[in-house]
Amino acid sequence: MSSQIIDGPAGLDRLPQERRVVTEIPGPRSRELQERRAAAVAPGVSSVLPVYVVDAGGGVVVDADGNSLIDFGSGIAVTNVGNANPRVAERVAAQAGRFTHTCFMVAPYESYVAVCEALNRLTPGDHEKRTFLVNSGAEAVENAVKVARYATGRQAVVVFDHGYHGRTLLTMTLTAKNMPYKHGFGPYAPEVYRMPMAYPFRWPGGPENCGPEAAEQAIDQITKRIGAGNVAAVVIEPIQGEGGFVVPPDGFLTAIAAFCRDNGILFVADEVQTGFARTGDLFACEHEGVVPDIITTAKGIAGGMPLAAVTGRADVLDTVHPGGLGGTYGGNPVSCEAALAVLDEIENGKLVERARGIGEIMLPRLRALAGRHDVIGDVRGRGAMTAIELVRPGTKEPDPGLTSRVARRCHESGLLVLTAGTYGNVLRFLPPLVIPEHLLLEGLDVLDEAFAAL
């Protein structure tokens, strides 16, 4: 392979980096806690794996029964620098000892400004930028649309099949999948239009034609159904997350971005899941050199502390009147200190290179697994954001039942994996970028054994 997973920053080996299964999973203590949860927590909040975590770090999570599971989930691409990165923890603790809140809109503080300066410098494009901070990915996307409508004076927003953008009213409307995200929660927000996504595995004309055909169809539908002059923004994930880690072919994003540029439409890159080194670039749209007008970030930005951001062209964000943007907790000082530590770790820990190294290990192993099991219809991803799509042999018919069984087998064996996809038939893998190589390889062995057993 062309690169290796390099050694991680010091201090990430606080926990033994080993898979250890000492009880059934979930064990008795987790089951006891699950009973308490059932009596206290709204059932609409679900969990992938009902084990109750007491410690985590590096590439493992440890549950209340003493089981140590290999982590291929990273809290859905949040703990890129690890669950208990010592530099993040140090800065969080120090800030919490000084003050936890003033509200930036009441009495500001330097760390908020420093995070914005860093994002203006690091996000794609060398143009002048502005940033503001919010609490979550959904809030960032919603604010990006709000800014786009204000700056352009237009109302229509274009999104894509299989996309996921959040759970608020507007972002739920932008999201494609009905169950569980939208079912029963309507009516939805107006002036949102959905276009075909470049999904190579499922494109009717074949993967070789997917990029240009999907771009042509989307542009044609926008022009005819909406009118380009009515569109404020096109919002797209450079690699789709919940939709199944759909990686559009090279050329699709550049074609859509060029159409936006030619028609005064703001191109909004939703990098909530793909950002901060996850894909082997600092941001996924850099793979094709796409420079968004607005980029939304969250998840990996602050090592698990709640923070998100909207970064965009200065001439766009400067249009909004004072008081039109913000929120009580947006850019909380503790979260800002965490973000500054994360950004330092990404650079000093060479996490972009580590993500590439993870991909160079995982993708060949997943392709070899697909060669042995014809239920794996597709292997895809970039860097440390990879997936396999499961189908009935000899077809492209989704097999969500098998996907659930494989995931359950992995969980029982001490490997935390996540499912995804519009059809519920994708296993997605998001290991922490600081995972030791031996754990990454062992996790892939567990996955291999799960398929062999089933």
Protein backbone atom coordinates (compact mmCIF):
# COMPACT_ATOMS: atom_id res chain seq x y z
CA MET A 1 0.00 0.00 0.00
CA SER A 2 1.18 3.54 -0.69
CA SER A 3 0.91 4.84 2.86
CA GLN A 4 0.65 3.57 6.38
CA ILE A 5 -1.38 4.69 9.36
CA ILE A 6 1.19 6.77 11.18
CA ASP A 7 1.54 6.89 14.95
CA GLY A 8 -1.12 8.98 16.63
CA PRO A 9 -0.62 11.86 19.07
CA ALA A 10 0.66 11.03 22.51
CA GLY A 11 -1.88 10.19 25.16
CA LEU A 12 -4.35 8.36 22.99
CA ASP A 13 -3.36 5.01 24.53
CA ARG A 14 -4.85 5.82 27.95
CA LEU A 15 -7.16 2.83 27.49
CA PRO A 16 -5.93 -0.61 26.43
CA GLN A 17 -6.42 -0.64 22.68
CA GLU A 18 -7.95 -4.08 22.48
CA ARG A 19 -11.21 -5.83 21.68
CA ARG A 20 -12.47 -7.57 24.79
CA VAL A 21 -15.81 -9.36 25.11
CA VAL A 22 -16.44 -10.56 28.68
CA THR A 23 -20.26 -10.79 28.69
CA GLU A 24 -22.96 -11.16 26.12
CA ILE A 25 -23.61 -7.85 24.35
CA PRO A 26 -25.52 -6.06 25.73
CA GLY A 27 -24.51 -7.33 29.13
CA PRO A 28 -26.49 -7.36 32.39
CA ARG A 29 -25.55 -3.85 33.52
CA SER A 30 -26.43 -2.38 30.13
CA ARG A 31 -29.73 -4.24 30.14
CA GLU A 32 -30.48 -2.83 33.58
CA LEU A 33 -29.78 0.68 32.32
CA GLN A 34 -31.92 0.00 29.27
CA GLU A 35 -34.87 -0.73 31.57
CA ARG A 36 -34.35 2.62 33.30
CA ARG A 37 -34.14 4.31 29.93
CA ALA A 38 -37.43 2.79 28.79
CA ALA A 39 -39.16 4.40 31.78
CA ALA A 40 -37.52 7.80 31.37
CA VAL A 41 -36.53 8.53 27.76
CA ALA A 42 -38.92 9.20 24.90
CA PRO A 43 -38.95 6.08 22.69
CA GLY A 44 -38.57 8.15 19.54
CA VAL A 45 -34.89 8.48 20.43
CA SER A 46 -33.30 5.21 19.31
CA SER A 47 -29.80 3.75 19.65
CA VAL A 48 -27.80 1.56 17.31
CA LEU A 49 -26.45 -0.61 20.08
CA PRO A 50 -27.88 -0.53 23.63
CA VAL A 51 -24.59 -0.83 25.48
CA TYR A 52 -23.98 1.93 28.00
CA VAL A 53 -20.55 3.51 27.61
CA VAL A 54 -18.39 4.30 30.62
CA ASP A 55 -15.10 5.08 28.86
CA ALA A 56 -13.76 5.56 25.34
CA GLY A 57 -10.59 6.60 23.58
CA GLY A 58 -8.34 5.80 20.66
CA GLY A 59 -10.21 3.12 18.75
CA VAL A 60 -12.33 1.56 21.51
CA VAL A 61 -15.45 2.18 23.58
CA VAL A 62 -15.84 0.42 26.94
CA ASP A 63 -19.29 -0.44 28.26
CA ALA A 64 -20.72 -0.74 31.76
CA ASP A 65 -20.10 -4.50 31.76
CA GLY A 66 -16.40 -4.19 30.96
CA ASN A 67 -16.64 -5.06 27.28
CA SER A 68 -14.23 -3.17 25.02
CA LEU A 69 -15.59 -2.72 21.49
CA ILE A 70 -13.67 -1.63 18.41
CA ASP A 71 -15.20 1.62 17.24
CA PHE A 72 -16.07 1.85 13.54
CA GLY A 73 -18.63 4.59 14.17
CA SER A 74 -16.89 7.58 15.79
CA GLY A 75 -20.24 8.82 17.09
CA ILE A 76 -21.26 9.24 13.41
CA ALA A 77 -18.02 10.93 12.27
CA VAL A 78 -17.72 13.18 15.33
CA THR A 79 -14.73 11.85 17.28
CA ASN A 80 -12.21 12.06 14.44
CA VAL A 81 -9.47 12.96 16.95
CA GLY A 82 -10.69 10.36 19.44
CA ASN A 83 -13.30 10.35 22.21
CA ALA A 84 -10.95 11.58 24.91
CA ASN A 85 -8.24 13.46 23.10
CA PRO A 86 -6.03 14.87 25.88
CA ARG A 87 -5.48 18.24 24.23
CA VAL A 88 -9.21 18.69 23.69
CA ALA A 89 -9.92 17.63 27.27
CA GLU A 90 -7.29 20.02 28.65
CA ARG A 91 -8.66 23.04 26.81
CA VAL A 92 -12.26 22.16 27.65
CA ALA A 93 -11.44 21.79 31.35
CA ALA A 94 -9.46 25.02 31.46
CA GLN A 95 -12.23 27.01 29.79
CA ALA A 96 -14.93 25.47 31.99
CA GLY A 97 -12.92 26.66 34.98
CA ARG A 98 -12.95 30.23 33.66
CA PHE A 99 -16.51 30.60 32.37
CA THR A 100 -18.95 28.37 30.50
CA HIS A 101 -21.21 31.01 28.96
CA THR A 102 -21.79 34.67 28.40
CA CYS A 103 -23.63 34.44 25.05
CA PHE A 104 -21.49 35.84 22.24
CA MET A 105 -24.34 38.19 21.33
CA VAL A 106 -24.17 39.73 24.82
CA ALA A 107 -20.49 39.78 25.72
CA PRO A 108 -18.12 38.22 23.15
CA TYR A 109 -14.83 36.36 23.68
CA GLU A 110 -11.73 35.69 21.62
CA SER A 111 -12.11 31.93 21.06
CA TYR A 112 -15.25 32.45 18.94
CA VAL A 113 -13.31 34.86 16.73
CA ALA A 114 -10.36 32.45 16.55
CA VAL A 115 -12.55 29.56 15.37
CA CYS A 116 -14.07 31.78 12.68
CA GLU A 117 -10.61 32.94 11.57
CA ALA A 118 -9.44 29.33 11.34
CA LEU A 119 -12.45 28.22 9.28
CA ASN A 120 -12.10 31.20 6.95
CA ARG A 121 -8.48 30.14 6.37
CA LEU A 122 -9.00 26.38 6.09
CA THR A 123 -12.19 26.02 4.03
CA PRO A 124 -11.84 25.85 0.24
CA GLY A 125 -11.15 29.02 -1.73
CA ASP A 126 -8.82 31.97 -1.24
CA HIS A 127 -11.60 34.58 -1.39
CA GLU A 128 -12.56 36.73 1.58
CA LYS A 129 -14.89 34.83 3.92
CA ARG A 130 -17.04 35.24 6.97
CA THR A 131 -18.15 32.62 9.51
CA PHE A 132 -20.70 32.38 12.30
CA LEU A 133 -21.18 29.58 14.81
CA VAL A 134 -24.26 27.58 15.80
CA ASN A 135 -24.99 24.37 17.71
CA SER A 136 -25.62 21.53 15.24
CA GLY A 137 -25.35 20.45 11.63
CA ALA A 138 -29.07 20.91 11.05
CA GLU A 139 -28.90 24.43 12.45
CA ALA A 140 -25.94 25.21 10.19
CA VAL A 141 -27.75 23.98 7.06
CA GLU A 142 -30.91 25.86 7.99
CA ASN A 143 -28.92 29.06 8.48
CA ALA A 144 -27.10 28.56 5.18
CA VAL A 145 -30.45 28.44 3.39
CA LYS A 146 -31.62 31.48 5.35
CA VAL A 147 -28.52 33.44 4.28
CA ALA A 148 -28.84 32.28 0.67
CA ARG A 149 -32.44 33.43 0.44
CA TYR A 150 -31.61 36.78 2.01
CA ALA A 151 -28.56 37.43 -0.18
CA THR A 152 -30.17 36.42 -3.48
CA GLY A 153 -33.73 37.58 -2.89
CA ARG A 154 -34.87 34.20 -4.21
CA GLN A 155 -36.81 31.43 -2.47
CA ALA A 156 -36.32 28.05 -4.20
CA VAL A 157 -33.83 25.53 -2.76
CA VAL A 158 -32.60 22.49 -4.69
CA VAL A 159 -31.52 19.26 -2.98
CA PHE A 160 -30.86 15.71 -4.17
CA ASP A 161 -32.24 12.19 -3.89
CA HIS A 162 -30.81 10.20 -0.96
CA GLY A 163 -29.62 13.38 0.78
CA TYR A 164 -29.73 13.92 4.53
CA HIS A 165 -29.51 17.40 6.07
CA GLY A 166 -31.12 17.22 9.53
CA ARG A 167 -34.29 16.94 11.60
CA THR A 168 -35.62 20.50 11.95
CA LEU A 169 -38.66 21.42 9.87
CA LEU A 170 -36.62 22.90 7.03
CA THR A 171 -33.77 20.38 7.09
CA MET A 172 -36.25 17.51 7.44
CA THR A 173 -37.83 18.87 4.26
CA LEU A 174 -34.42 18.93 2.58
CA THR A 175 -33.81 15.31 3.68
CA ALA A 176 -34.94 12.66 1.20
CA LYS A 177 -35.68 9.62 3.37
CA ASN A 178 -39.17 9.32 4.85
CA MET A 179 -38.69 6.71 7.59
CA PRO A 180 -37.70 7.48 10.27
CA TYR A 181 -36.82 11.11 9.63
CA LYS A 182 -39.97 12.57 8.07
CA HIS A 183 -42.79 10.10 8.62
CA GLY A 184 -45.80 11.76 10.24
CA PHE A 185 -44.06 15.10 10.84
CA GLY A 186 -45.52 17.11 7.93
CA PRO A 187 -46.55 19.44 6.47
CA TYR A 188 -43.11 20.39 5.26
CA ALA A 189 -41.47 23.67 4.30
CA PRO A 190 -42.29 25.12 0.86
CA GLU A 191 -40.04 25.88 -2.12
CA VAL A 192 -37.80 22.81 -1.81
CA TYR A 193 -37.15 20.79 -4.98
CA ARG A 194 -35.42 17.40 -5.25
CA MET A 195 -33.19 16.35 -8.14
CA PRO A 196 -31.65 13.01 -9.20
CA MET A 197 -28.37 12.18 -7.48
CA ALA A 198 -25.37 10.74 -9.26
CA TYR A 199 -25.48 7.28 -7.63
CA PRO A 200 -23.16 5.10 -9.75
CA PHE A 201 -24.25 1.69 -8.44
CA ARG A 202 -27.93 2.40 -9.13
CA TRP A 203 -27.74 4.69 -12.15
CA PRO A 204 -29.95 3.26 -14.96
CA GLY A 205 -27.40 4.14 -17.65
CA GLY A 206 -24.55 2.44 -15.81
CA PRO A 207 -21.79 3.89 -13.62
CA GLU A 208 -19.73 5.01 -16.61
CA ASN A 209 -22.53 7.40 -17.69
CA CYS A 210 -23.72 8.39 -14.24
CA GLY A 211 -21.88 11.67 -13.74
CA PRO A 212 -22.71 13.50 -16.97
CA GLU A 213 -26.23 12.08 -17.25
CA ALA A 214 -27.16 12.93 -13.66
CA ALA A 215 -25.78 16.46 -13.99
CA GLU A 216 -27.62 16.97 -17.28
CA GLN A 217 -30.89 15.73 -15.82
CA ALA A 218 -30.59 17.87 -12.71
CA ILE A 219 -29.76 21.00 -14.66
CA ASP A 220 -32.56 20.35 -17.15
CA GLN A 221 -35.11 19.85 -14.37
CA ILE A 222 -33.99 22.94 -12.48
CA THR A 223 -34.23 25.01 -15.63
CA LYS A 224 -37.62 23.72 -16.73
CA ARG A 225 -39.44 23.01 -13.47
CA ILE A 226 -38.23 25.87 -11.29
CA GLY A 227 -36.37 28.38 -13.41
CA ALA A 228 -32.74 29.03 -12.59
CA GLY A 229 -33.53 32.65 -11.77
CA ASN A 230 -35.78 31.53 -8.91
CA VAL A 231 -33.22 29.33 -7.16
CA ALA A 232 -31.43 30.74 -4.12
CA ALA A 233 -29.24 27.72 -3.38
CA VAL A 234 -28.28 24.21 -4.35
CA VAL A 235 -27.52 22.24 -1.18
CA ILE A 236 -25.54 19.01 -1.58
CA GLU A 237 -23.33 16.65 0.40
CA PRO A 238 -20.10 16.07 -1.57
CA ILE A 239 -20.39 12.48 -0.37
CA GLN A 240 -23.80 11.57 0.95
CA GLY A 241 -23.86 10.37 4.55
CA GLU A 242 -27.08 8.83 5.83
CA GLY A 243 -28.09 8.22 2.21
CA GLY A 244 -25.50 5.46 2.03
CA PHE A 245 -22.07 7.04 1.48
CA VAL A 246 -22.92 7.69 -2.15
CA VAL A 247 -19.81 9.02 -3.89
CA PRO A 248 -20.72 10.95 -7.06
CA PRO A 249 -18.43 10.38 -10.05
CA ASP A 250 -15.81 12.99 -10.79
CA GLY A 251 -17.33 15.79 -12.81
CA PHE A 252 -20.81 15.77 -11.29
CA LEU A 253 -20.13 18.28 -8.54
CA THR A 254 -18.08 20.51 -10.83
CA ALA A 255 -20.91 20.57 -13.40
CA ILE A 256 -23.49 21.51 -10.77
CA ALA A 257 -21.18 24.16 -9.29
CA ALA A 258 -20.55 25.65 -12.75
CA PHE A 259 -24.29 25.82 -13.44
CA CYS A 260 -24.80 27.60 -10.11
CA ARG A 261 -22.03 30.07 -10.85
CA ASP A 262 -23.44 30.87 -14.29
CA ASN A 263 -26.92 31.50 -12.91
CA GLY A 264 -26.33 33.42 -9.69
CA ILE A 265 -27.25 30.39 -7.54
CA LEU A 266 -25.32 29.82 -4.33
CA PHE A 267 -23.62 26.41 -4.14
CA VAL A 268 -23.89 25.15 -0.54
CA ALA A 269 -21.65 22.21 0.41
CA ASP A 270 -23.05 20.31 3.39
CA GLU A 271 -19.80 18.96 4.87
CA VAL A 272 -21.29 18.15 8.25
CA GLN A 273 -20.27 14.47 7.98
CA THR A 274 -17.48 14.69 5.41
CA GLY A 275 -15.46 17.54 6.91
CA PHE A 276 -12.32 17.77 9.03
CA ALA A 277 -10.08 15.19 7.33
CA ARG A 278 -12.65 12.39 7.28
CA THR A 279 -12.36 11.64 3.52
CA GLY A 280 -8.60 12.08 3.14
CA ASP A 281 -8.97 15.75 2.26
CA LEU A 282 -9.65 18.41 4.86
CA PHE A 283 -13.03 18.87 3.14
CA ALA A 284 -14.55 16.45 0.64
CA CYS A 285 -15.31 19.04 -2.05
CA GLU A 286 -11.54 19.63 -2.35
CA HIS A 287 -11.25 16.25 -4.10
CA GLU A 288 -12.55 17.89 -7.29
CA GLY A 289 -11.39 21.41 -6.55
CA VAL A 290 -14.96 22.61 -5.98
CA VAL A 291 -15.10 25.92 -4.11
CA PRO A 292 -18.52 26.36 -2.49
CA ASP A 293 -20.12 29.74 -1.94
CA ILE A 294 -21.19 28.51 1.51
CA ILE A 295 -19.95 25.48 3.45
CA THR A 296 -21.61 24.02 6.55
CA THR A 297 -19.59 22.10 9.13
CA ALA A 298 -20.27 20.33 12.43
CA LYS A 299 -19.67 16.78 13.76
CA GLY A 300 -15.85 16.49 13.63
CA ILE A 301 -15.32 20.18 14.38
CA ALA A 302 -15.08 20.00 18.17
CA GLY A 303 -14.33 16.44 19.31
CA GLY A 304 -17.85 15.78 20.56
CA MET A 305 -18.66 19.19 21.99
CA PRO A 306 -21.76 20.78 20.37
CA LEU A 307 -20.63 23.21 17.69
CA ALA A 308 -21.32 23.89 14.03
CA ALA A 309 -20.46 26.62 11.58
CA VAL A 310 -21.57 28.41 8.44
CA THR A 311 -18.67 29.77 6.38
CA GLY A 312 -19.13 31.63 3.12
CA ARG A 313 -18.21 34.39 0.77
CA ALA A 314 -17.91 37.69 2.58
CA ASP A 315 -20.09 39.48 0.02
CA VAL A 316 -22.86 36.94 0.74
CA LEU A 317 -22.73 36.78 4.53
CA ASP A 318 -22.19 40.52 4.89
CA THR A 319 -25.62 41.18 3.38
CA VAL A 320 -27.50 40.01 6.48
CA HIS A 321 -28.48 42.78 8.92
CA PRO A 322 -27.08 42.78 12.50
CA GLY A 323 -29.17 40.54 14.73
CA GLY A 324 -30.40 38.43 11.82
CA LEU A 325 -28.03 35.57 12.71
CA GLY A 326 -27.08 33.96 16.01
CA GLY A 327 -28.50 32.08 18.97
CA THR A 328 -28.12 31.80 22.71
CA TYR A 329 -25.63 28.93 22.76
CA GLY A 330 -24.05 29.24 19.31
CA GLY A 331 -20.26 29.30 19.62
CA ASN A 332 -20.25 28.36 23.30
CA PRO A 333 -16.77 29.16 24.72
CA VAL A 334 -16.12 25.61 25.91
CA SER A 335 -16.98 24.23 22.47
CA CYS A 336 -14.82 26.86 20.80
CA GLU A 337 -11.79 25.81 22.85
CA ALA A 338 -12.48 22.20 21.87
CA ALA A 339 -12.61 23.19 18.21
CA LEU A 340 -9.30 25.04 18.38
CA ALA A 341 -7.72 21.94 19.92
CA VAL A 342 -9.25 19.71 17.22
CA LEU A 343 -7.94 21.91 14.43
CA ASP A 344 -4.47 21.78 15.98
CA GLU A 345 -4.69 17.99 16.25
CA ILE A 346 -5.73 17.60 12.61
CA GLU A 347 -2.69 19.54 11.50
CA ASN A 348 -0.11 18.34 14.00
CA GLY A 349 -1.35 14.75 14.02
CA LYS A 350 -1.40 14.63 10.21
CA LEU A 351 -4.95 13.33 10.30
CA VAL A 352 -5.58 14.02 6.62
CA GLU A 353 -2.78 11.59 5.83
CA ARG A 354 -4.05 9.14 8.45
CA ALA A 355 -7.50 9.16 6.84
CA ARG A 356 -5.93 8.32 3.48
CA GLY A 357 -3.97 5.51 5.10
CA ILE A 358 -7.13 4.10 6.66
CA GLY A 359 -8.81 4.11 3.25
CA GLU A 360 -5.84 2.39 1.68
CA ILE A 361 -6.22 -0.43 4.20
CA MET A 362 -10.01 -0.67 4.28
CA LEU A 363 -11.04 -0.40 0.65
CA PRO A 364 -8.89 -3.30 -0.66
CA ARG A 365 -10.05 -5.49 2.23
CA LEU A 366 -13.70 -4.61 1.57
CA ARG A 367 -13.28 -5.32 -2.16
CA ALA A 368 -11.72 -8.69 -1.34
CA LEU A 369 -14.66 -9.41 0.97
CA ALA A 370 -17.03 -8.52 -1.89
CA GLY A 371 -15.18 -10.98 -4.09
CA ARG A 372 -16.02 -13.78 -1.64
CA HIS A 373 -19.63 -12.79 -0.94
CA ASP A 374 -21.98 -11.98 -3.81
CA VAL A 375 -24.38 -10.28 -1.41
CA ILE A 376 -22.03 -7.28 -1.45
CA GLY A 377 -23.14 -5.34 -4.50
CA ASP A 378 -20.91 -2.29 -4.11
CA VAL A 379 -17.87 -1.07 -2.20
CA ARG A 380 -17.32 2.68 -2.08
CA GLY A 381 -15.95 5.60 -0.13
CA ARG A 382 -12.93 7.83 0.34
CA GLY A 383 -10.42 7.88 3.13
CA ALA A 384 -11.92 6.86 6.46
CA MET A 385 -15.49 7.07 5.12
CA THR A 386 -16.23 3.73 3.47
CA ALA A 387 -19.25 1.50 2.95
CA ILE A 388 -20.60 -1.70 1.43
CA GLU A 389 -24.08 -2.07 -0.04
CA LEU A 390 -25.82 -5.42 0.46
CA VAL A 391 -28.18 -6.90 -2.13
CA ARG A 392 -29.83 -10.18 -2.97
CA PRO A 393 -27.34 -12.26 -5.01
CA GLY A 394 -27.41 -11.64 -8.73
CA THR A 395 -29.57 -8.52 -8.39
CA LYS A 396 -29.46 -4.95 -7.13
CA GLU A 397 -32.44 -5.57 -4.88
CA PRO A 398 -31.61 -4.15 -1.44
CA ASP A 399 -31.31 -6.61 1.44
CA PRO A 400 -31.85 -4.61 4.65
CA GLY A 401 -32.56 -7.79 6.62
CA LEU A 402 -29.12 -9.23 5.92
CA THR A 403 -27.58 -5.84 6.66
CA SER A 404 -29.16 -5.83 10.10
CA ARG A 405 -28.02 -9.40 10.77
CA VAL A 406 -24.42 -8.66 9.81
CA ALA A 407 -24.42 -5.54 11.98
CA ARG A 408 -25.85 -7.50 14.91
CA ARG A 409 -23.23 -10.23 14.49
CA CYS A 410 -20.49 -7.58 14.49
CA HIS A 411 -21.91 -6.00 17.64
CA GLU A 412 -22.08 -9.35 19.43
CA SER A 413 -18.42 -9.92 18.52
CA GLY A 414 -17.24 -6.56 19.82
CA LEU A 415 -17.24 -4.38 16.69
CA LEU A 416 -19.43 -1.27 16.59
CA VAL A 417 -20.68 -0.65 13.03
CA LEU A 418 -23.45 1.56 11.66
CA THR A 419 -26.07 1.01 8.99
CA ALA A 420 -27.29 3.61 6.50
CA GLY A 421 -28.87 4.07 3.10
CA THR A 422 -32.23 4.99 1.67
CA TYR A 423 -33.05 1.27 1.57
CA GLY A 424 -31.42 0.41 4.90
CA ASN A 425 -28.95 -1.91 3.17
CA VAL A 426 -25.59 -0.17 3.64
CA LEU A 427 -22.96 -0.88 6.28
CA ARG A 428 -20.91 2.28 6.79
CA PHE A 429 -17.54 2.49 8.48
CA LEU A 430 -16.23 5.61 10.24
CA PRO A 431 -13.31 4.64 12.47
CA PRO A 432 -11.63 7.38 14.49
CA LEU A 433 -8.72 8.81 12.55
CA VAL A 434 -6.50 7.94 15.53
CA ILE A 435 -7.41 4.24 15.58
CA PRO A 436 -4.34 2.00 15.88
CA GLU A 437 -3.68 -0.07 12.79
CA HIS A 438 -3.92 -3.38 14.64
CA LEU A 439 -7.47 -2.53 15.77
CA LEU A 440 -8.46 -1.48 12.27
CA LEU A 441 -7.25 -4.80 10.89
CA GLU A 442 -8.90 -6.77 13.70
CA GLY A 443 -12.19 -4.96 13.07
CA LEU A 444 -12.02 -5.96 9.41
CA ASP A 445 -11.36 -9.55 10.51
CA VAL A 446 -14.50 -9.45 12.68
CA LEU A 447 -16.50 -8.15 9.71
CA ASP A 448 -15.11 -10.95 7.56
CA GLU A 449 -16.11 -13.52 10.18
CA ALA A 450 -19.60 -12.05 10.41
CA PHE A 451 -20.17 -12.58 6.70
CA ALA A 452 -18.69 -16.08 6.83
CA ALA A 453 -21.02 -16.99 9.70
CA LEU A 454 -24.13 -15.66 8.00
